[in-house]
Each structure stands twice: as structure tokens, then as C-alpha cells.
Amino acid sequence: MLAAMWILKGVFLGFGLFVGGLVLMVVVGIVGAIVKGSVQTGHATALSAIFAATIWNPFFYLALLGCILIGVSIVGSRGTPVP
């Protein structure tokens, strides 16, 4: 049981990287659109615009898989197990 914990740690690390990148992408996208002037302040951003950049985009799931694989690779590459 304890020997397989590195897989769970890697998945959590990868998922954390993914969520951090997702939040940063959405915030930078919305702020960038406001700065460019393509979005007027005082109006709501449509939920479909956020969905189009995230869950409707196949690269969203590719990035999720990539982040999880990177997290598992980082944790699994340690020579000595962490207690």
C-alpha cells in the first residue's frame, strides 16, 4: 500500500499544476480581453466563452493528461522514497 503512494502523490501534484494553470489561463484571458478593449467592463463574461476555452476544447483534456503524467514522472523519479 505504502509503495504505491508515489502514484497518488504524482496525480495530486499533476492535478495541482493543472488547476493552477487553468486559473491563470482564465484570469489572464479575461483581463487581457478587458485591456485590449474587446470586452466592455460592467458586462458579464458568457459561460459559453469559458467553456469554449476549457471543457469543450480537446487540448484541455490533453493538458490535464500531460500535467498528471508530468506529476507522476517527477514523483516517480526520486531515488529514495519520501516517508
PDB file of N, CA and C in Angstrom:
ATOM      1  N   MET A   1       0.831  -1.200   0.000  1.00  0.00           N
ATOM      2  CA  MET A   1       0.000   0.000   0.000  1.00  0.00           C
ATOM      3  C   MET A   1       0.864   1.247   0.000  1.00  0.00           C
ATOM      4  N   LEU A   2       1.850   1.291   0.885  1.00  0.00           N
ATOM      5  CA  LEU A   2       2.680   2.477   1.002  1.00  0.00           C
ATOM      6  C   LEU A   2       3.595   2.642  -0.202  1.00  0.00           C
ATOM      7  N   ALA A   3       3.929   1.536  -0.848  1.00  0.00           N
ATOM      8  CA  ALA A   3       4.821   1.611  -2.007  1.00  0.00           C
ATOM      9  C   ALA A   3       4.141   2.271  -3.200  1.00  0.00           C
ATOM     10  N   ALA A   4       2.820   2.201  -3.273  1.00  0.00           N
ATOM     11  CA  ALA A   4       2.095   2.789  -4.401  1.00  0.00           C
ATOM     12  C   ALA A   4       1.638   4.217  -4.129  1.00  0.00           C
ATOM     13  N   MET A   5       1.991   4.772  -2.994  1.00  0.00           N
ATOM     14  CA  MET A   5       1.571   6.139  -2.668  1.00  0.00           C
ATOM     15  C   MET A   5       2.213   7.168  -3.588  1.00  0.00           C
ATOM     16  N   TRP A   6       3.360   6.848  -4.187  1.00  0.00           N
ATOM     17  CA  TRP A   6       4.001   7.815  -5.075  1.00  0.00           C
ATOM     18  C   TRP A   6       3.133   8.103  -6.292  1.00  0.00           C
ATOM     19  N   ILE A   7       2.315   7.126  -6.695  1.00  0.00           N
ATOM     20  CA  ILE A   7       1.412   7.347  -7.825  1.00  0.00           C
ATOM     21  C   ILE A   7       0.351   8.375  -7.437  1.00  0.00           C
ATOM     22  N   LEU A   8      -0.216   8.217  -6.259  1.00  0.00           N
ATOM     23  CA  LEU A   8      -1.224   9.158  -5.787  1.00  0.00           C
ATOM     24  C   LEU A   8      -0.627  10.546  -5.585  1.00  0.00           C
ATOM     25  N   LYS A   9       0.579  10.603  -5.032  1.00  0.00           N
ATOM     26  CA  LYS A   9       1.247  11.897  -4.870  1.00  0.00           C
ATOM     27  C   LYS A   9       1.486  12.556  -6.220  1.00  0.00           C
ATOM     28  N   GLY A  10       1.885  11.774  -7.200  1.00  0.00           N
ATOM     29  CA  GLY A  10       2.125  12.302  -8.534  1.00  0.00           C
ATOM     30  C   GLY A  10       0.859  12.824  -9.191  1.00  0.00           C
ATOM     31  N   VAL A  11      -0.237  12.091  -9.006  1.00  0.00           N
ATOM     32  CA  VAL A  11      -1.520  12.537  -9.572  1.00  0.00           C
ATOM     33  C   VAL A  11      -1.948  13.836  -8.911  1.00  0.00           C
ATOM     34  N   PHE A  12      -1.804  13.937  -7.598  1.00  0.00           N
ATOM     35  CA  PHE A  12      -2.168  15.176  -6.912  1.00  0.00           C
ATOM     36  C   PHE A  12      -1.281  16.340  -7.340  1.00  0.00           C
ATOM     37  N   LEU A  13       0.005  16.091  -7.520  1.00  0.00           N
ATOM     38  CA  LEU A  13       0.909  17.136  -7.988  1.00  0.00           C
ATOM     39  C   LEU A  13       0.525  17.578  -9.398  1.00  0.00           C
ATOM     40  N   GLY A  14       0.266  16.630 -10.278  1.00  0.00           N
ATOM     41  CA  GLY A  14      -0.134  16.961 -11.642  1.00  0.00           C
ATOM     42  C   GLY A  14      -1.457  17.697 -11.698  1.00  0.00           C
ATOM     43  N   PHE A  15      -2.413  17.258 -10.900  1.00  0.00           N
ATOM     44  CA  PHE A  15      -3.709  17.931 -10.873  1.00  0.00           C
ATOM     45  C   PHE A  15      -3.574  19.342 -10.310  1.00  0.00           C
ATOM     46  N   GLY A  16      -2.710  19.510  -9.316  1.00  0.00           N
ATOM     47  CA  GLY A  16      -2.467  20.847  -8.775  1.00  0.00           C
ATOM     48  C   GLY A  16      -1.834  21.772  -9.804  1.00  0.00           C
ATOM     49  N   LEU A  17      -0.878  21.261 -10.560  1.00  0.00           N
ATOM     50  CA  LEU A  17      -0.278  22.047 -11.640  1.00  0.00           C
ATOM     51  C   LEU A  17      -1.332  22.432 -12.672  1.00  0.00           C
ATOM     52  N   PHE A  18      -2.202  21.501 -13.002  1.00  0.00           N
ATOM     53  CA  PHE A  18      -3.234  21.751 -13.991  1.00  0.00           C
ATOM     54  C   PHE A  18      -4.224  22.813 -13.514  1.00  0.00           C
ATOM     55  N   VAL A  19      -4.680  22.708 -12.287  1.00  0.00           N
ATOM     56  CA  VAL A  19      -5.648  23.675 -11.757  1.00  0.00           C
ATOM     57  C   VAL A  19      -5.020  25.064 -11.666  1.00  0.00           C
ATOM     58  N   GLY A  20      -3.765  25.127 -11.227  1.00  0.00           N
ATOM     59  CA  GLY A  20      -3.080  26.421 -11.176  1.00  0.00           C
ATOM     60  C   GLY A  20      -2.962  27.047 -12.558  1.00  0.00           C
ATOM     61  N   GLY A  21      -2.594  26.252 -13.546  1.00  0.00           N
ATOM     62  CA  GLY A  21      -2.505  26.756 -14.905  1.00  0.00           C
ATOM     63  C   GLY A  21      -3.849  27.155 -15.474  1.00  0.00           C
ATOM     64  N   LEU A  22      -4.890  26.409 -15.137  1.00  0.00           N
ATOM     65  CA  LEU A  22      -6.235  26.717 -15.611  1.00  0.00           C
ATOM     66  C   LEU A  22      -6.716  28.054 -15.057  1.00  0.00           C
ATOM     67  N   VAL A  23      -6.542  28.255 -13.764  1.00  0.00           N
ATOM     68  CA  VAL A  23      -6.960  29.518 -13.145  1.00  0.00           C
ATOM     69  C   VAL A  23      -6.183  30.677 -13.756  1.00  0.00           C
ATOM     70  N   LEU A  24      -4.883  30.501 -13.926  1.00  0.00           N
ATOM     71  CA  LEU A  24      -4.061  31.546 -14.523  1.00  0.00           C
ATOM     72  C   LEU A  24      -4.498  31.837 -15.960  1.00  0.00           C
ATOM     73  N   MET A  25      -4.805  30.793 -16.736  1.00  0.00           N
ATOM     74  CA  MET A  25      -5.241  30.989 -18.113  1.00  0.00           C
ATOM     75  C   MET A  25      -6.548  31.768 -18.193  1.00  0.00           C
ATOM     76  N   VAL A  26      -7.513  31.413 -17.353  1.00  0.00           N
ATOM     77  CA  VAL A  26      -8.811  32.086 -17.386  1.00  0.00           C
ATOM     78  C   VAL A  26      -8.674  33.541 -16.942  1.00  0.00           C
ATOM     79  N   VAL A  27      -7.932  33.786 -15.871  1.00  0.00           N
ATOM     80  CA  VAL A  27      -7.780  35.152 -15.377  1.00  0.00           C
ATOM     81  C   VAL A  27      -7.032  36.013 -16.395  1.00  0.00           C
ATOM     82  N   VAL A  28      -5.930  35.505 -16.936  1.00  0.00           N
ATOM     83  CA  VAL A  28      -5.163  36.271 -17.928  1.00  0.00           C
ATOM     84  C   VAL A  28      -5.999  36.493 -19.190  1.00  0.00           C
ATOM     85  N   GLY A  29      -6.786  35.512 -19.587  1.00  0.00           N
ATOM     86  CA  GLY A  29      -7.638  35.672 -20.763  1.00  0.00           C
ATOM     87  C   GLY A  29      -8.690  36.740 -20.585  1.00  0.00           C
ATOM     88  N   ILE A  30      -9.329  36.760 -19.432  1.00  0.00           N
ATOM     89  CA  ILE A  30     -10.373  37.757 -19.181  1.00  0.00           C
ATOM     90  C   ILE A  30      -9.764  39.143 -19.022  1.00  0.00           C
ATOM     91  N   VAL A  31      -8.681  39.253 -18.238  1.00  0.00           N
ATOM     92  CA  VAL A  31      -8.040  40.555 -18.039  1.00  0.00           C
ATOM     93  C   VAL A  31      -7.442  41.055 -19.352  1.00  0.00           C
ATOM     94  N   GLY A  32      -6.842  40.161 -20.126  1.00  0.00           N
ATOM     95  CA  GLY A  32      -6.278  40.560 -21.416  1.00  0.00           C
ATOM     96  C   GLY A  32      -7.339  41.080 -22.369  1.00  0.00           C
ATOM     97  N   ALA A  33      -8.505  40.447 -22.376  1.00  0.00           N
ATOM     98  CA  ALA A  33      -9.592  40.903 -23.240  1.00  0.00           C
ATOM     99  C   ALA A  33     -10.110  42.267 -22.790  1.00  0.00           C
ATOM    100  N   ILE A  34     -10.141  42.498 -21.491  1.00  0.00           N
ATOM    101  CA  ILE A  34     -10.587  43.799 -20.983  1.00  0.00           C
ATOM    102  C   ILE A  34      -9.577  44.877 -21.352  1.00  0.00           C
ATOM    103  N   VAL A  35      -8.278  44.570 -21.214  1.00  0.00           N
ATOM    104  CA  VAL A  35      -7.239  45.544 -21.535  1.00  0.00           C
ATOM    105  C   VAL A  35      -7.242  45.873 -23.022  1.00  0.00           C
ATOM    106  N   LYS A  36      -7.434  44.870 -23.876  1.00  0.00           N
ATOM    107  CA  LYS A  36      -7.475  45.105 -25.319  1.00  0.00           C
ATOM    108  C   LYS A  36      -8.695  45.909 -25.724  1.00  0.00           C
ATOM    109  N   GLY A  37      -9.725  45.861 -24.922  1.00  0.00           N
ATOM    110  CA  GLY A  37     -10.937  46.593 -25.241  1.00  0.00           C
ATOM    111  C   GLY A  37     -11.989  45.771 -25.943  1.00  0.00           C
ATOM    112  N   SER A  38     -11.756  44.484 -26.126  1.00  0.00           N
ATOM    113  CA  SER A  38     -12.747  43.656 -26.806  1.00  0.00           C
ATOM    114  C   SER A  38     -13.886  43.242 -25.882  1.00  0.00           C
ATOM    115  N   VAL A  39     -13.716  43.447 -24.588  1.00  0.00           N
ATOM    116  CA  VAL A  39     -14.769  43.157 -23.612  1.00  0.00           C
ATOM    117  C   VAL A  39     -15.022  44.435 -22.829  1.00  0.00           C
ATOM    118  N   GLN A  40     -16.267  44.839 -22.762  1.00  0.00           N
ATOM    119  CA  GLN A  40     -16.602  46.042 -22.011  1.00  0.00           C
ATOM    120  C   GLN A  40     -16.736  45.695 -20.532  1.00  0.00           C
ATOM    121  N   THR A  41     -16.190  46.560 -19.697  1.00  0.00           N
ATOM    122  CA  THR A  41     -16.336  46.333 -18.266  1.00  0.00           C
ATOM    123  C   THR A  41     -17.786  46.582 -17.871  1.00  0.00           C
ATOM    124  N   GLY A  42     -18.214  45.915 -16.848  1.00  0.00           N
ATOM    125  CA  GLY A  42     -19.596  46.058 -16.392  1.00  0.00           C
ATOM    126  C   GLY A  42     -20.520  45.025 -17.011  1.00  0.00           C
ATOM    127  N   HIS A  43     -20.016  44.231 -17.950  1.00  0.00           N
ATOM    128  CA  HIS A  43     -20.818  43.181 -18.551  1.00  0.00           C
ATOM    129  C   HIS A  43     -20.259  41.826 -18.113  1.00  0.00           C
ATOM    130  N   ALA A  44     -21.130  40.865 -18.048  1.00  0.00           N
ATOM    131  CA  ALA A  44     -20.709  39.524 -17.643  1.00  0.00           C
ATOM    132  C   ALA A  44     -20.044  38.805 -18.808  1.00  0.00           C
ATOM    133  N   THR A  45     -19.064  37.976 -18.473  1.00  0.00           N
ATOM    134  CA  THR A  45     -18.461  37.106 -19.477  1.00  0.00           C
ATOM    135  C   THR A  45     -19.349  35.875 -19.606  1.00  0.00           C
ATOM    136  N   ALA A  46     -19.718  35.555 -20.815  1.00  0.00           N
ATOM    137  CA  ALA A  46     -20.616  34.428 -21.035  1.00  0.00           C
ATOM    138  C   ALA A  46     -19.959  33.127 -20.585  1.00  0.00           C
ATOM    139  N   LEU A  47     -20.742  32.284 -19.982  1.00  0.00           N
ATOM    140  CA  LEU A  47     -20.233  30.999 -19.518  1.00  0.00           C
ATOM    141  C   LEU A  47     -19.793  30.147 -20.697  1.00  0.00           C
ATOM    142  N   SER A  48     -20.435  30.315 -21.837  1.00  0.00           N
ATOM    143  CA  SER A  48     -20.045  29.532 -23.013  1.00  0.00           C
ATOM    144  C   SER A  48     -18.649  29.923 -23.502  1.00  0.00           C
ATOM    145  N   ALA A  49     -18.220  31.167 -23.269  1.00  0.00           N
ATOM    146  CA  ALA A  49     -16.866  31.572 -23.659  1.00  0.00           C
ATOM    147  C   ALA A  49     -15.828  30.861 -22.793  1.00  0.00           C
ATOM    148  N   ILE A  50     -16.130  30.703 -21.519  1.00  0.00           N
ATOM    149  CA  ILE A  50     -15.219  29.982 -20.626  1.00  0.00           C
ATOM    150  C   ILE A  50     -15.229  28.495 -20.955  1.00  0.00           C
ATOM    151  N   PHE A  51     -16.410  27.952 -21.259  1.00  0.00           N
ATOM    152  CA  PHE A  51     -16.498  26.545 -21.644  1.00  0.00           C
ATOM    153  C   PHE A  51     -15.753  26.277 -22.945  1.00  0.00           C
ATOM    154  N   ALA A  52     -15.816  27.214 -23.884  1.00  0.00           N
ATOM    155  CA  ALA A  52     -15.131  27.026 -25.165  1.00  0.00           C
ATOM    156  C   ALA A  52     -13.621  26.943 -24.974  1.00  0.00           C
ATOM    157  N   ALA A  53     -13.098  27.656 -23.992  1.00  0.00           N
ATOM    158  CA  ALA A  53     -11.660  27.626 -23.739  1.00  0.00           C
ATOM    159  C   ALA A  53     -11.257  26.458 -22.859  1.00  0.00           C
ATOM    160  N   THR A  54     -12.223  25.821 -22.206  1.00  0.00           N
ATOM    161  CA  THR A  54     -11.876  24.747 -21.274  1.00  0.00           C
ATOM    162  C   THR A  54     -12.512  23.428 -21.691  1.00  0.00           C
ATOM    163  N   ILE A  55     -13.660  23.099 -21.166  1.00  0.00           N
ATOM    164  CA  ILE A  55     -14.171  21.727 -21.288  1.00  0.00           C
ATOM    165  C   ILE A  55     -14.615  21.351 -22.692  1.00  0.00           C
ATOM    166  N   TRP A  56     -14.876  22.304 -23.581  1.00  0.00           N
ATOM    167  CA  TRP A  56     -15.232  21.965 -24.958  1.00  0.00           C
ATOM    168  C   TRP A  56     -13.989  21.871 -25.836  1.00  0.00           C
ATOM    169  N   ASN A  57     -12.834  22.180 -25.294  1.00  0.00           N
ATOM    170  CA  ASN A  57     -11.592  22.199 -26.061  1.00  0.00           C
ATOM    171  C   ASN A  57     -10.842  20.877 -25.834  1.00  0.00           C
ATOM    172  N   PRO A  58     -10.524  20.153 -26.897  1.00  0.00           N
ATOM    173  CA  PRO A  58      -9.814  18.875 -26.694  1.00  0.00           C
ATOM    174  C   PRO A  58      -8.418  19.060 -26.098  1.00  0.00           C
ATOM    175  N   PHE A  59      -7.795  20.208 -26.306  1.00  0.00           N
ATOM    176  CA  PHE A  59      -6.473  20.455 -25.727  1.00  0.00           C
ATOM    177  C   PHE A  59      -6.548  20.590 -24.205  1.00  0.00           C
ATOM    178  N   PHE A  60      -7.719  20.925 -23.676  1.00  0.00           N
ATOM    179  CA  PHE A  60      -7.932  20.991 -22.236  1.00  0.00           C
ATOM    180  C   PHE A  60      -7.652  19.617 -21.614  1.00  0.00           C
ATOM    181  N   TYR A  61      -8.192  18.581 -22.212  1.00  0.00           N
ATOM    182  CA  TYR A  61      -8.006  17.232 -21.685  1.00  0.00           C
ATOM    183  C   TYR A  61      -6.600  16.709 -21.959  1.00  0.00           C
ATOM    184  N   LEU A  62      -6.011  17.128 -23.062  1.00  0.00           N
ATOM    185  CA  LEU A  62      -4.631  16.770 -23.347  1.00  0.00           C
ATOM    186  C   LEU A  62      -3.695  17.404 -22.313  1.00  0.00           C
ATOM    187  N   ALA A  63      -3.973  18.650 -21.943  1.00  0.00           N
ATOM    188  CA  ALA A  63      -3.169  19.315 -20.919  1.00  0.00           C
ATOM    189  C   ALA A  63      -3.349  18.644 -19.562  1.00  0.00           C
ATOM    190  N   LEU A  64      -4.570  18.215 -19.236  1.00  0.00           N
ATOM    191  CA  LEU A  64      -4.815  17.506 -17.979  1.00  0.00           C
ATOM    192  C   LEU A  64      -4.004  16.214 -17.929  1.00  0.00           C
ATOM    193  N   LEU A  65      -4.056  15.443 -18.990  1.00  0.00           N
ATOM    194  CA  LEU A  65      -3.292  14.198 -19.045  1.00  0.00           C
ATOM    195  C   LEU A  65      -1.795  14.478 -18.969  1.00  0.00           C
ATOM    196  N   GLY A  66      -1.335  15.501 -19.691  1.00  0.00           N
ATOM    197  CA  GLY A  66       0.085  15.849 -19.657  1.00  0.00           C
ATOM    198  C   GLY A  66       0.553  16.264 -18.283  1.00  0.00           C
ATOM    199  N   CYS A  67      -0.245  17.066 -17.585  1.00  0.00           N
ATOM    200  CA  CYS A  67       0.136  17.501 -16.239  1.00  0.00           C
ATOM    201  C   CYS A  67       0.186  16.331 -15.270  1.00  0.00           C
ATOM    202  N   ILE A  68      -0.771  15.425 -15.379  1.00  0.00           N
ATOM    203  CA  ILE A  68      -0.759  14.265 -14.494  1.00  0.00           C
ATOM    204  C   ILE A  68       0.463  13.390 -14.783  1.00  0.00           C
ATOM    205  N   LEU A  69       0.787  13.204 -16.060  1.00  0.00           N
ATOM    206  CA  LEU A  69       1.972  12.411 -16.404  1.00  0.00           C
ATOM    207  C   LEU A  69       3.259  13.084 -15.920  1.00  0.00           C
ATOM    208  N   ILE A  70       3.329  14.403 -16.023  1.00  0.00           N
ATOM    209  CA  ILE A  70       4.500  15.129 -15.519  1.00  0.00           C
ATOM    210  C   ILE A  70       4.606  14.977 -14.008  1.00  0.00           C
ATOM    211  N   GLY A  71       3.479  15.097 -13.300  1.00  0.00           N
ATOM    212  CA  GLY A  71       3.495  14.937 -11.847  1.00  0.00           C
ATOM    213  C   GLY A  71       3.932  13.551 -11.420  1.00  0.00           C
ATOM    214  N   VAL A  72       3.422  12.524 -12.084  1.00  0.00           N
ATOM    215  CA  VAL A  72       3.813  11.151 -11.755  1.00  0.00           C
ATOM    216  C   VAL A  72       5.287  10.927 -12.089  1.00  0.00           C
ATOM    217  N   SER A  73       5.752  11.517 -13.189  1.00  0.00           N
ATOM    218  CA  SER A  73       7.164  11.374 -13.557  1.00  0.00           C
ATOM    219  C   SER A  73       8.084  12.044 -12.546  1.00  0.00           C
ATOM    220  N   ILE A  74       7.697  13.226 -12.073  1.00  0.00           N
ATOM    221  CA  ILE A  74       8.525  13.936 -11.094  1.00  0.00           C
ATOM    222  C   ILE A  74       8.603  13.150  -9.794  1.00  0.00           C
ATOM    223  N   VAL A  75       7.461  12.709  -9.304  1.00  0.00           N
ATOM    224  CA  VAL A  75       7.447  11.986  -8.032  1.00  0.00           C
ATOM    225  C   VAL A  75       8.100  10.615  -8.180  1.00  0.00           C
ATOM    226  N   GLY A  76       7.889   9.954  -9.299  1.00  0.00           N
ATOM    227  CA  GLY A  76       8.444   8.623  -9.507  1.00  0.00           C
ATOM    228  C   GLY A  76       9.931   8.605  -9.781  1.00  0.00           C
ATOM    229  N   SER A  77      10.496   9.753 -10.151  1.00  0.00           N
ATOM    230  CA  SER A  77      11.914   9.786 -10.485  1.00  0.00           C
ATOM    231  C   SER A  77      12.812   9.939  -9.250  1.00  0.00           C
ATOM    232  N   ARG A  78      12.223  10.121  -8.105  1.00  0.00           N
ATOM    233  CA  ARG A  78      13.020  10.252  -6.877  1.00  0.00           C
ATOM    234  C   ARG A  78      13.698   8.922  -6.576  1.00  0.00           C
ATOM    235  N   GLY A  79      14.989   8.980  -6.260  1.00  0.00           N
ATOM    236  CA  GLY A  79      15.735   7.754  -5.973  1.00  0.00           C
ATOM    237  C   GLY A  79      15.369   7.142  -4.647  1.00  0.00           C
ATOM    238  N   THR A  80      15.119   7.974  -3.653  1.00  0.00           N
ATOM    239  CA  THR A  80      14.778   7.461  -2.329  1.00  0.00           C
ATOM    240  C   THR A  80      13.335   7.809  -2.011  1.00  0.00           C
ATOM    241  N   PRO A  81      12.575   6.894  -1.458  1.00  0.00           N
ATOM    242  CA  PRO A  81      11.192   7.196  -1.136  1.00  0.00           C
ATOM    243  C   PRO A  81      11.090   8.204   0.009  1.00  0.00           C
ATOM    244  N   VAL A  82      10.112   9.058  -0.083  1.00  0.00           N
ATOM    245  CA  VAL A  82       9.876  10.037   0.964  1.00  0.00           C
ATOM    246  C   VAL A  82       8.899   9.438   1.957  1.00  0.00           C
ATOM    247  N   PRO A  83       9.207   9.440   3.228  1.00  0.00           N
ATOM    248  CA  PRO A  83       8.295   8.812   4.203  1.00  0.00           C
ATOM    249  C   PRO A  83       7.027   9.604   4.401  1.00  0.00           C
TER     250      PRO A  83
END
